[in-house]
Amino acid sequence: MPDRAVTTTRSGETALGQRLGGMTDPGFNRPEVHAEDALLSRRSIRSFEDKPVPNSLMRRILEAARWAPSGSNIQPWKVHVLNGEARQRYSDAIISAERNGENRDMEYNYYAPEWREPFLARRRACGFGLYSAMGIAREDKAARHEAFIDNFRFFGAATGLLFWIPSDLEHGSWLDYGTFIQSISIAAQGWGLDTIAQGALGEFPHVAHKMFEVGDDFTLIGGMSIGWMVEDNPVNQFQPGRIAVDEFTTWID
């Protein structure tokens, strides 16, 4: 049976080439990365080099990610790729909103209103571990707040993404959107790039709606920082643990 990735069509193009919209190589050497290796090596990066992702490479990543599955093939995604002045303008605007005490008017509830176990313990372990990697004491609230604001700086990445979804779609489409975001992360990993998905980039949707002229018929989910990590920053070595397979799986024969 032929490899699905190289199956030829009547037109002589490969199936993979068709899915990539006939794109040619974006001009970068892609390391040979197994899908499982990409999944296992991916982590949320919080310090990036000030180096933009070329549009040719970003387009190649999105060409792959657009094949993420969605119920009834709805494909609910809408993406803004921010570079240069646009990225800086948005960053400055939401930092200003935060420092001026504007209301964080996120358009949906990311978390439950009250924390309970075991989720509370996991959240605390993640937070304390992250602050420890950054050299921030638990009681240093000012430093912790500045660390949060780094979200709005895209953690130094020169390229950022914003994710939008039609406001009238339901939970199923939000689930689909998660597969799309993960697909971007894994496709980027395959090209040697790093990412972090950020709900925090959706904390001030009124800023984004106005700046990018997006109507209320779309909801800002959040965004992503994408680029190349600063290798020697200790925060990028932080990796919170995961529960074992048998803690979340029931085997039924």
C-alpha atoms as a PDB file:
ATOM      1  CA  MET A   1       0.000   0.000   0.000  1.00  0.00           C
ATOM      2  CA  PRO A   2       1.553   3.370  -0.972  1.00  0.00           C
ATOM      3  CA  ASP A   3       2.432   5.981   1.622  1.00  0.00           C
ATOM      4  CA  ARG A   4      -0.547   8.318   1.976  1.00  0.00           C
ATOM      5  CA  ALA A   5       1.769  11.335   1.921  1.00  0.00           C
ATOM      6  CA  VAL A   6       3.082  10.544  -1.558  1.00  0.00           C
ATOM      7  CA  THR A   7      -0.005   9.117  -3.272  1.00  0.00           C
ATOM      8  CA  THR A   8      -0.179  10.643  -6.760  1.00  0.00           C
ATOM      9  CA  THR A   9      -3.332  12.011  -8.325  1.00  0.00           C
ATOM     10  CA  ARG A  10      -4.435  12.150 -11.968  1.00  0.00           C
ATOM     11  CA  SER A  11      -2.976  15.619 -12.276  1.00  0.00           C
ATOM     12  CA  GLY A  12       0.425  14.277 -11.282  1.00  0.00           C
ATOM     13  CA  GLU A  13       0.465  16.265  -8.055  1.00  0.00           C
ATOM     14  CA  THR A  14       0.878  14.485  -4.773  1.00  0.00           C
ATOM     15  CA  ALA A  15      -1.947  14.359  -2.258  1.00  0.00           C
ATOM     16  CA  LEU A  16       0.318  16.169   0.184  1.00  0.00           C
ATOM     17  CA  GLY A  17       1.017  18.866  -2.360  1.00  0.00           C
ATOM     18  CA  GLN A  18      -2.695  19.336  -2.947  1.00  0.00           C
ATOM     19  CA  ARG A  19      -3.348  19.710   0.749  1.00  0.00           C
ATOM     20  CA  LEU A  20      -0.619  22.339   0.938  1.00  0.00           C
ATOM     21  CA  GLY A  21      -2.342  24.318  -1.778  1.00  0.00           C
ATOM     22  CA  GLY A  22       0.438  23.580  -4.265  1.00  0.00           C
ATOM     23  CA  MET A  23       2.945  25.423  -2.082  1.00  0.00           C
ATOM     24  CA  THR A  24       6.635  24.985  -2.727  1.00  0.00           C
ATOM     25  CA  ASP A  25       9.267  24.698  -0.028  1.00  0.00           C
ATOM     26  CA  PRO A  26       9.272  27.935   2.014  1.00  0.00           C
ATOM     27  CA  GLY A  27      13.068  28.116   1.896  1.00  0.00           C
ATOM     28  CA  PHE A  28      13.881  26.482   5.219  1.00  0.00           C
ATOM     29  CA  ASN A  29      15.465  23.177   6.060  1.00  0.00           C
ATOM     30  CA  ARG A  30      12.949  21.058   7.905  1.00  0.00           C
ATOM     31  CA  PRO A  31      14.353  18.541  10.383  1.00  0.00           C
ATOM     32  CA  GLU A  32      13.058  14.995  10.189  1.00  0.00           C
ATOM     33  CA  VAL A  33      10.721  14.868  13.182  1.00  0.00           C
ATOM     34  CA  HIS A  34       8.391  11.971  13.928  1.00  0.00           C
ATOM     35  CA  ALA A  35       4.896  13.080  14.947  1.00  0.00           C
ATOM     36  CA  GLU A  36       5.303  11.442  18.350  1.00  0.00           C
ATOM     37  CA  ASP A  37       8.641  13.209  18.871  1.00  0.00           C
ATOM     38  CA  ALA A  38       6.987  16.538  18.074  1.00  0.00           C
ATOM     39  CA  LEU A  39       4.244  15.832  20.600  1.00  0.00           C
ATOM     40  CA  LEU A  40       6.673  14.793  23.323  1.00  0.00           C
ATOM     41  CA  SER A  41       9.152  17.623  22.748  1.00  0.00           C
ATOM     42  CA  ARG A  42       6.575  20.410  22.579  1.00  0.00           C
ATOM     43  CA  ARG A  43       6.426  22.658  25.601  1.00  0.00           C
ATOM     44  CA  SER A  44       5.123  26.126  26.333  1.00  0.00           C
ATOM     45  CA  ILE A  45       7.954  28.598  25.726  1.00  0.00           C
ATOM     46  CA  ARG A  46       8.075  31.887  27.624  1.00  0.00           C
ATOM     47  CA  SER A  47      11.181  33.545  26.194  1.00  0.00           C
ATOM     48  CA  PHE A  48      11.655  33.970  22.440  1.00  0.00           C
ATOM     49  CA  GLU A  49      14.285  35.467  20.182  1.00  0.00           C
ATOM     50  CA  ASP A  50      13.316  38.760  18.544  1.00  0.00           C
ATOM     51  CA  LYS A  51      13.175  37.103  15.139  1.00  0.00           C
ATOM     52  CA  PRO A  52      10.004  37.127  13.026  1.00  0.00           C
ATOM     53  CA  VAL A  53       8.679  33.979  11.409  1.00  0.00           C
ATOM     54  CA  PRO A  54       8.740  34.650   7.646  1.00  0.00           C
ATOM     55  CA  ASN A  55       5.293  34.730   6.095  1.00  0.00           C
ATOM     56  CA  SER A  56       6.277  31.907   3.733  1.00  0.00           C
ATOM     57  CA  LEU A  57       6.975  29.594   6.664  1.00  0.00           C
ATOM     58  CA  MET A  58       3.959  30.757   8.668  1.00  0.00           C
ATOM     59  CA  ARG A  59       1.763  30.106   5.653  1.00  0.00           C
ATOM     60  CA  ARG A  60       3.223  26.594   5.275  1.00  0.00           C
ATOM     61  CA  ILE A  61       2.377  25.868   8.923  1.00  0.00           C
ATOM     62  CA  LEU A  62      -1.177  27.150   8.501  1.00  0.00           C
ATOM     63  CA  GLU A  63      -1.564  25.199   5.263  1.00  0.00           C
ATOM     64  CA  ALA A  64      -0.901  22.038   7.267  1.00  0.00           C
ATOM     65  CA  ALA A  65      -2.950  23.030  10.326  1.00  0.00           C
ATOM     66  CA  ARG A  66      -6.049  23.856   8.273  1.00  0.00           C
ATOM     67  CA  TRP A  67      -6.542  20.111   7.789  1.00  0.00           C
ATOM     68  CA  ALA A  68      -7.424  19.713  11.461  1.00  0.00           C
ATOM     69  CA  PRO A  69     -10.748  17.872  11.858  1.00  0.00           C
ATOM     70  CA  SER A  70     -13.975  19.685  12.661  1.00  0.00           C
ATOM     71  CA  GLY A  71     -17.537  18.451  13.072  1.00  0.00           C
ATOM     72  CA  SER A  72     -19.397  18.582   9.739  1.00  0.00           C
ATOM     73  CA  ASN A  73     -16.235  20.202   8.337  1.00  0.00           C
ATOM     74  CA  ILE A  74     -17.333  23.571   9.767  1.00  0.00           C
ATOM     75  CA  GLN A  75     -13.715  24.825  10.082  1.00  0.00           C
ATOM     76  CA  PRO A  76     -14.539  27.575  12.601  1.00  0.00           C
ATOM     77  CA  TRP A  77     -11.101  29.194  12.651  1.00  0.00           C
ATOM     78  CA  LYS A  78     -10.141  32.767  11.854  1.00  0.00           C
ATOM     79  CA  VAL A  79      -6.527  33.828  12.433  1.00  0.00           C
ATOM     80  CA  HIS A  80      -4.669  37.119  12.546  1.00  0.00           C
ATOM     81  CA  VAL A  81      -0.902  36.848  12.029  1.00  0.00           C
ATOM     82  CA  LEU A  82       0.760  39.833  13.696  1.00  0.00           C
ATOM     83  CA  ASN A  83       4.226  40.994  12.702  1.00  0.00           C
ATOM     84  CA  GLY A  84       6.199  44.205  12.941  1.00  0.00           C
ATOM     85  CA  GLU A  85       4.284  47.361  13.745  1.00  0.00           C
ATOM     86  CA  ALA A  86       0.931  45.585  14.067  1.00  0.00           C
ATOM     87  CA  ARG A  87       2.251  43.166  16.665  1.00  0.00           C
ATOM     88  CA  GLN A  88       3.908  45.994  18.614  1.00  0.00           C
ATOM     89  CA  ARG A  89       0.811  48.176  18.452  1.00  0.00           C
ATOM     90  CA  TYR A  90      -1.407  45.421  19.842  1.00  0.00           C
ATOM     91  CA  SER A  91       1.127  44.555  22.529  1.00  0.00           C
ATOM     92  CA  ASP A  92       1.427  48.185  23.629  1.00  0.00           C
ATOM     93  CA  ALA A  93      -2.358  48.612  23.681  1.00  0.00           C
ATOM     94  CA  ILE A  94      -3.134  45.633  25.913  1.00  0.00           C
ATOM     95  CA  ILE A  95      -0.216  46.399  28.240  1.00  0.00           C
ATOM     96  CA  SER A  96      -1.590  49.925  28.569  1.00  0.00           C
ATOM     97  CA  ALA A  97      -5.069  48.540  29.268  1.00  0.00           C
ATOM     98  CA  GLU A  98      -3.660  46.308  32.006  1.00  0.00           C
ATOM     99  CA  ARG A  99      -1.578  49.037  33.645  1.00  0.00           C
ATOM    100  CA  ASN A 100      -4.466  51.507  33.505  1.00  0.00           C
ATOM    101  CA  GLY A 101      -6.730  49.059  35.299  1.00  0.00           C
ATOM    102  CA  GLU A 102      -9.153  48.553  32.434  1.00  0.00           C
ATOM    103  CA  ASN A 103     -11.627  45.739  32.878  1.00  0.00           C
ATOM    104  CA  ARG A 104     -10.465  42.384  31.587  1.00  0.00           C
ATOM    105  CA  ASP A 105     -13.587  41.693  29.576  1.00  0.00           C
ATOM    106  CA  MET A 106     -12.745  38.256  28.195  1.00  0.00           C
ATOM    107  CA  GLU A 107     -15.658  37.064  26.093  1.00  0.00           C
ATOM    108  CA  TYR A 108     -15.961  33.631  27.689  1.00  0.00           C
ATOM    109  CA  ASN A 109     -15.029  31.835  30.907  1.00  0.00           C
ATOM    110  CA  TYR A 110     -11.716  30.054  30.418  1.00  0.00           C
ATOM    111  CA  TYR A 111     -11.751  28.555  33.916  1.00  0.00           C
ATOM    112  CA  ALA A 112     -14.457  27.409  36.296  1.00  0.00           C
ATOM    113  CA  PRO A 113     -15.544  30.093  38.814  1.00  0.00           C
ATOM    114  CA  GLU A 114     -14.232  28.025  41.737  1.00  0.00           C
ATOM    115  CA  TRP A 115     -11.250  25.691  41.926  1.00  0.00           C
ATOM    116  CA  ARG A 116     -11.497  22.179  43.354  1.00  0.00           C
ATOM    117  CA  GLU A 117      -9.202  19.216  43.658  1.00  0.00           C
ATOM    118  CA  PRO A 118      -7.370  17.737  41.898  1.00  0.00           C
ATOM    119  CA  PHE A 119      -7.275  20.754  39.592  1.00  0.00           C
ATOM    120  CA  LEU A 120      -6.367  23.246  42.322  1.00  0.00           C
ATOM    121  CA  ALA A 121      -3.259  21.279  43.283  1.00  0.00           C
ATOM    122  CA  ARG A 122      -2.176  20.961  39.647  1.00  0.00           C
ATOM    123  CA  ARG A 123      -2.644  24.680  39.068  1.00  0.00           C
ATOM    124  CA  ARG A 124      -0.647  25.583  42.156  1.00  0.00           C
ATOM    125  CA  ALA A 125       2.162  23.183  41.291  1.00  0.00           C
ATOM    126  CA  CYS A 126       2.366  24.650  37.803  1.00  0.00           C
ATOM    127  CA  GLY A 127       2.389  28.235  39.062  1.00  0.00           C
ATOM    128  CA  PHE A 128       4.910  27.669  41.834  1.00  0.00           C
ATOM    129  CA  GLY A 129       7.178  25.701  39.512  1.00  0.00           C
ATOM    130  CA  LEU A 130       7.049  28.410  36.872  1.00  0.00           C
ATOM    131  CA  TYR A 131       7.816  31.210  39.329  1.00  0.00           C
ATOM    132  CA  SER A 132      10.661  29.174  40.780  1.00  0.00           C
ATOM    133  CA  ALA A 133      12.177  28.756  37.304  1.00  0.00           C
ATOM    134  CA  MET A 134      11.918  32.531  36.869  1.00  0.00           C
ATOM    135  CA  GLY A 135      13.484  33.228  40.265  1.00  0.00           C
ATOM    136  CA  ILE A 136      10.323  34.886  41.593  1.00  0.00           C
ATOM    137  CA  ALA A 137       9.383  34.394  45.238  1.00  0.00           C
ATOM    138  CA  ARG A 138       5.809  33.337  45.999  1.00  0.00           C
ATOM    139  CA  GLU A 139       5.154  36.478  48.023  1.00  0.00           C
ATOM    140  CA  ASP A 140       6.513  38.861  45.355  1.00  0.00           C
ATOM    141  CA  LYS A 141       3.194  39.867  43.845  1.00  0.00           C
ATOM    142  CA  ALA A 142       4.671  42.721  41.803  1.00  0.00           C
ATOM    143  CA  ALA A 143       7.132  40.418  40.045  1.00  0.00           C
ATOM    144  CA  ARG A 144       4.406  37.856  39.473  1.00  0.00           C
ATOM    145  CA  HIS A 145       2.249  40.517  37.850  1.00  0.00           C
ATOM    146  CA  GLU A 146       5.107  41.561  35.564  1.00  0.00           C
ATOM    147  CA  ALA A 147       5.567  37.922  34.614  1.00  0.00           C
ATOM    148  CA  PHE A 148       1.891  37.818  33.651  1.00  0.00           C
ATOM    149  CA  ILE A 149       2.262  40.979  31.571  1.00  0.00           C
ATOM    150  CA  ASP A 150       4.980  39.192  29.580  1.00  0.00           C
ATOM    151  CA  ASN A 151       2.050  37.386  27.949  1.00  0.00           C
ATOM    152  CA  PHE A 152       1.111  40.701  26.375  1.00  0.00           C
ATOM    153  CA  ARG A 153       4.672  41.103  25.059  1.00  0.00           C
ATOM    154  CA  PHE A 154       4.313  37.765  23.291  1.00  0.00           C
ATOM    155  CA  PHE A 155       7.199  36.685  25.515  1.00  0.00           C
ATOM    156  CA  GLY A 156       9.533  38.535  23.170  1.00  0.00           C
ATOM    157  CA  ALA A 157       8.401  36.697  20.023  1.00  0.00           C
ATOM    158  CA  ALA A 158       8.331  38.899  16.936  1.00  0.00           C
ATOM    159  CA  THR A 159       5.369  36.980  15.489  1.00  0.00           C
ATOM    160  CA  GLY A 160       2.063  36.431  17.231  1.00  0.00           C
ATOM    161  CA  LEU A 161      -1.281  34.921  16.313  1.00  0.00           C
ATOM    162  CA  LEU A 162      -4.794  35.828  17.399  1.00  0.00           C
ATOM    163  CA  PHE A 163      -7.568  33.233  17.224  1.00  0.00           C
ATOM    164  CA  TRP A 164     -11.219  34.115  16.583  1.00  0.00           C
ATOM    165  CA  ILE A 165     -14.353  31.981  16.399  1.00  0.00           C
ATOM    166  CA  PRO A 166     -17.846  32.890  15.141  1.00  0.00           C
ATOM    167  CA  SER A 167     -19.790  33.942  18.231  1.00  0.00           C
ATOM    168  CA  ASP A 168     -22.869  31.876  17.458  1.00  0.00           C
ATOM    169  CA  LEU A 169     -21.084  28.517  17.356  1.00  0.00           C
ATOM    170  CA  GLU A 170     -21.401  26.050  20.216  1.00  0.00           C
ATOM    171  CA  HIS A 171     -19.154  23.873  22.381  1.00  0.00           C
ATOM    172  CA  GLY A 172     -18.433  21.364  19.636  1.00  0.00           C
ATOM    173  CA  SER A 173     -16.782  23.986  17.461  1.00  0.00           C
ATOM    174  CA  TRP A 174     -14.666  25.135  20.403  1.00  0.00           C
ATOM    175  CA  LEU A 175     -13.475  21.546  20.789  1.00  0.00           C
ATOM    176  CA  ASP A 176     -12.630  21.527  17.087  1.00  0.00           C
ATOM    177  CA  TYR A 177     -10.679  24.747  17.521  1.00  0.00           C
ATOM    178  CA  GLY A 178      -8.442  23.065  20.075  1.00  0.00           C
ATOM    179  CA  THR A 179      -7.362  20.520  17.476  1.00  0.00           C
ATOM    180  CA  PHE A 180      -6.529  23.385  15.109  1.00  0.00           C
ATOM    181  CA  ILE A 181      -4.392  25.192  17.684  1.00  0.00           C
ATOM    182  CA  GLN A 182      -2.575  21.972  18.582  1.00  0.00           C
ATOM    183  CA  SER A 183      -2.026  21.325  14.876  1.00  0.00           C
ATOM    184  CA  ILE A 184      -0.296  24.693  14.550  1.00  0.00           C
ATOM    185  CA  SER A 185       1.940  23.889  17.521  1.00  0.00           C
ATOM    186  CA  ILE A 186       2.934  20.479  16.175  1.00  0.00           C
ATOM    187  CA  ALA A 187       3.448  21.725  12.614  1.00  0.00           C
ATOM    188  CA  ALA A 188       5.650  24.510  13.989  1.00  0.00           C
ATOM    189  CA  GLN A 189       7.583  21.997  16.068  1.00  0.00           C
ATOM    190  CA  GLY A 190       8.257  20.051  12.892  1.00  0.00           C
ATOM    191  CA  TRP A 191       9.974  23.122  11.446  1.00  0.00           C
ATOM    192  CA  GLY A 192      12.082  23.689  14.547  1.00  0.00           C
ATOM    193  CA  LEU A 193       9.905  26.500  15.877  1.00  0.00           C
ATOM    194  CA  ASP A 194       8.524  26.894  19.376  1.00  0.00           C
ATOM    195  CA  THR A 195       5.123  28.071  20.559  1.00  0.00           C
ATOM    196  CA  ILE A 196       2.934  28.881  23.503  1.00  0.00           C
ATOM    197  CA  ALA A 197      -0.855  29.034  23.284  1.00  0.00           C
ATOM    198  CA  GLN A 198      -2.169  31.947  25.356  1.00  0.00           C
ATOM    199  CA  GLY A 199      -5.640  32.569  26.653  1.00  0.00           C
ATOM    200  CA  ALA A 200      -4.231  35.774  28.154  1.00  0.00           C
ATOM    201  CA  LEU A 201      -4.087  37.372  24.711  1.00  0.00           C
ATOM    202  CA  GLY A 202      -7.890  37.388  24.806  1.00  0.00           C
ATOM    203  CA  GLU A 203      -8.137  39.283  28.106  1.00  0.00           C
ATOM    204  CA  PHE A 204      -8.918  42.622  26.421  1.00  0.00           C
ATOM    205  CA  PRO A 205     -11.090  41.738  23.421  1.00  0.00           C
ATOM    206  CA  HIS A 206     -12.439  45.288  23.109  1.00  0.00           C
ATOM    207  CA  VAL A 207      -8.918  46.378  22.144  1.00  0.00           C
ATOM    208  CA  ALA A 208      -8.583  43.715  19.444  1.00  0.00           C
ATOM    209  CA  HIS A 209     -12.105  44.223  18.078  1.00  0.00           C
ATOM    210  CA  LYS A 210     -11.466  47.939  17.621  1.00  0.00           C
ATOM    211  CA  MET A 211      -7.870  47.726  16.400  1.00  0.00           C
ATOM    212  CA  PHE A 212      -8.496  45.020  13.813  1.00  0.00           C
ATOM    213  CA  GLU A 213     -12.074  46.024  12.950  1.00  0.00           C
ATOM    214  CA  VAL A 214     -13.627  42.690  13.878  1.00  0.00           C
ATOM    215  CA  GLY A 215     -17.345  42.755  14.659  1.00  0.00           C
ATOM    216  CA  ASP A 216     -19.196  41.205  17.574  1.00  0.00           C
ATOM    217  CA  ASP A 217     -20.057  38.261  15.359  1.00  0.00           C
ATOM    218  CA  PHE A 218     -16.607  36.899  16.244  1.00  0.00           C
ATOM    219  CA  THR A 219     -15.256  36.021  19.694  1.00  0.00           C
ATOM    220  CA  LEU A 220     -11.569  36.408  20.530  1.00  0.00           C
ATOM    221  CA  ILE A 221     -10.375  33.083  21.939  1.00  0.00           C
ATOM    222  CA  GLY A 222      -6.777  34.079  22.645  1.00  0.00           C
ATOM    223  CA  GLY A 223      -3.578  33.718  20.719  1.00  0.00           C
ATOM    224  CA  MET A 224      -0.148  32.211  20.343  1.00  0.00           C
ATOM    225  CA  SER A 225       3.459  33.340  20.415  1.00  0.00           C
ATOM    226  CA  ILE A 226       5.578  31.569  17.819  1.00  0.00           C
ATOM    227  CA  GLY A 227       9.252  31.669  16.928  1.00  0.00           C
ATOM    228  CA  TRP A 228      12.565  30.444  18.268  1.00  0.00           C
ATOM    229  CA  MET A 229      13.179  30.031  21.976  1.00  0.00           C
ATOM    230  CA  VAL A 230      15.999  31.677  23.911  1.00  0.00           C
ATOM    231  CA  GLU A 231      17.897  28.493  24.671  1.00  0.00           C
ATOM    232  CA  ASP A 232      19.710  29.632  27.815  1.00  0.00           C
ATOM    233  CA  ASN A 233      16.717  31.157  29.624  1.00  0.00           C
ATOM    234  CA  PRO A 234      15.878  28.875  32.587  1.00  0.00           C
ATOM    235  CA  VAL A 235      12.150  29.521  32.188  1.00  0.00           C
ATOM    236  CA  ASN A 236      12.255  27.569  28.938  1.00  0.00           C
ATOM    237  CA  GLN A 237      13.460  24.472  30.758  1.00  0.00           C
ATOM    238  CA  PHE A 238      10.353  24.407  32.925  1.00  0.00           C
ATOM    239  CA  GLN A 239       8.054  21.523  32.062  1.00  0.00           C
ATOM    240  CA  PRO A 240       5.147  20.720  34.383  1.00  0.00           C
ATOM    241  CA  GLY A 241       4.444  17.035  34.785  1.00  0.00           C
ATOM    242  CA  ARG A 242       1.531  15.080  33.384  1.00  0.00           C
ATOM    243  CA  ILE A 243      -0.663  12.511  35.070  1.00  0.00           C
ATOM    244  CA  ALA A 244      -0.125   8.874  34.123  1.00  0.00           C
ATOM    245  CA  VAL A 245      -2.239   7.262  31.414  1.00  0.00           C
ATOM    246  CA  ASP A 246      -3.976   4.971  33.902  1.00  0.00           C
ATOM    247  CA  GLU A 247      -5.093   7.989  35.939  1.00  0.00           C
ATOM    248  CA  PHE A 248      -7.344   9.192  33.130  1.00  0.00           C
ATOM    249  CA  THR A 249      -8.042   5.995  31.201  1.00  0.00           C
ATOM    250  CA  THR A 250     -10.486   3.165  31.855  1.00  0.00           C
ATOM    251  CA  TRP A 251      -9.792   0.033  29.823  1.00  0.00           C
ATOM    252  CA  ILE A 252     -12.984  -1.804  28.889  1.00  0.00           C
ATOM    253  CA  ASP A 253     -12.999  -5.174  27.083  1.00  0.00           C
END
